[in-house]
């Protein structure tokens, strides 16, 4: 493993080549966000007010 190994990134730089280990840039895929938006907790029902008699 080192400069003579064409499978490593260091070897690719030494041989002045590109490949799977050392791609030539390009657009990177955007990381997918959450599949479904997270729903907020349901609101608590309103409290009933009682009147004093």
Protein backbone atom coordinates (compact mmCIF):
# COMPACT_ATOMS: atom_id res chain seq x y z
CA UNK A 1 0.00 0.00 0.00
CA UNK A 2 1.55 3.24 -1.06
CA UNK A 3 2.68 5.06 -4.13
CA UNK A 4 2.99 1.93 -6.26
CA UNK A 5 -0.51 0.70 -5.42
CA UNK A 6 -2.88 1.87 -8.15
CA UNK A 7 -5.89 1.02 -5.97
CA UNK A 8 -5.19 3.74 -3.41
CA UNK A 9 -5.67 7.46 -3.74
CA UNK A 10 -1.95 8.01 -3.14
CA UNK A 11 -1.09 5.58 -5.95
CA UNK A 12 -3.51 7.31 -8.29
CA UNK A 13 -1.80 10.65 -7.60
CA UNK A 14 1.61 9.09 -8.20
CA UNK A 15 0.53 7.58 -11.53
CA UNK A 16 -1.33 10.81 -12.42
CA UNK A 17 -4.54 8.95 -13.10
CA UNK A 18 -8.09 9.05 -11.88
CA UNK A 19 -10.55 6.31 -11.15
CA UNK A 20 -13.04 4.98 -8.63
CA UNK A 21 -10.71 5.75 -5.75
CA UNK A 22 -9.95 9.26 -7.04
CA UNK A 23 -12.83 10.59 -9.14
CA UNK A 24 -12.45 13.76 -11.21
CA UNK A 25 -14.91 15.81 -9.16
CA UNK A 26 -18.28 16.47 -10.71
CA UNK A 27 -21.52 17.07 -8.89
CA UNK A 28 -22.01 15.27 -5.63
CA UNK A 29 -25.39 13.82 -4.88
CA UNK A 30 -27.37 15.81 -2.37
CA UNK A 31 -28.11 13.89 0.78
CA UNK A 32 -31.81 13.06 0.95
CA UNK A 33 -33.69 14.77 3.71
CA UNK A 34 -36.26 13.12 5.92
CA UNK A 35 -38.73 11.08 3.88
CA UNK A 36 -41.77 12.50 5.64
CA UNK A 37 -41.99 15.80 7.49
CA UNK A 38 -42.14 15.28 11.22
CA UNK A 39 -45.63 16.07 12.47
CA UNK A 40 -45.95 18.25 15.54
CA UNK A 41 -47.61 16.79 18.61
CA UNK A 42 -51.40 17.16 18.46
CA UNK A 43 -52.72 20.16 20.32
CA UNK A 44 -54.36 19.49 23.67
CA UNK A 45 -58.14 19.98 23.66
CA UNK A 46 -59.37 23.21 25.18
CA UNK A 47 -60.30 22.99 28.85
CA UNK A 48 -63.94 23.43 29.72
CA UNK A 49 -64.67 26.31 32.01
CA UNK A 50 -67.16 25.76 34.79
CA UNK A 51 -69.31 28.47 36.25
CA UNK A 52 -69.88 28.70 39.97
CA UNK A 53 -73.47 28.47 41.08
